[in-house]
Amino acid sequence: MSLRATLHYRYFQSVYSRGEAAQSALESLVVKSILLRNFLCRYVIQIKFL
């Protein structure tokens, strides 16, 4: 591989891994918000029926 090809490869690899990290962060955020919503719904229902 030429130096230029190596630099391009490294650049795309870093961009790709950064994109993956952002995606996993977004996914965990979505999961957390869903869990939080479920927890709040359960909490509100318990308060209503007490």
Foldseek 3Di string as FASTA:
>chain_A
DDPVVVVVVVVVVVVVVVVVVVVVVVVVVVVVVVVVVVVVVVVVVVVVVD
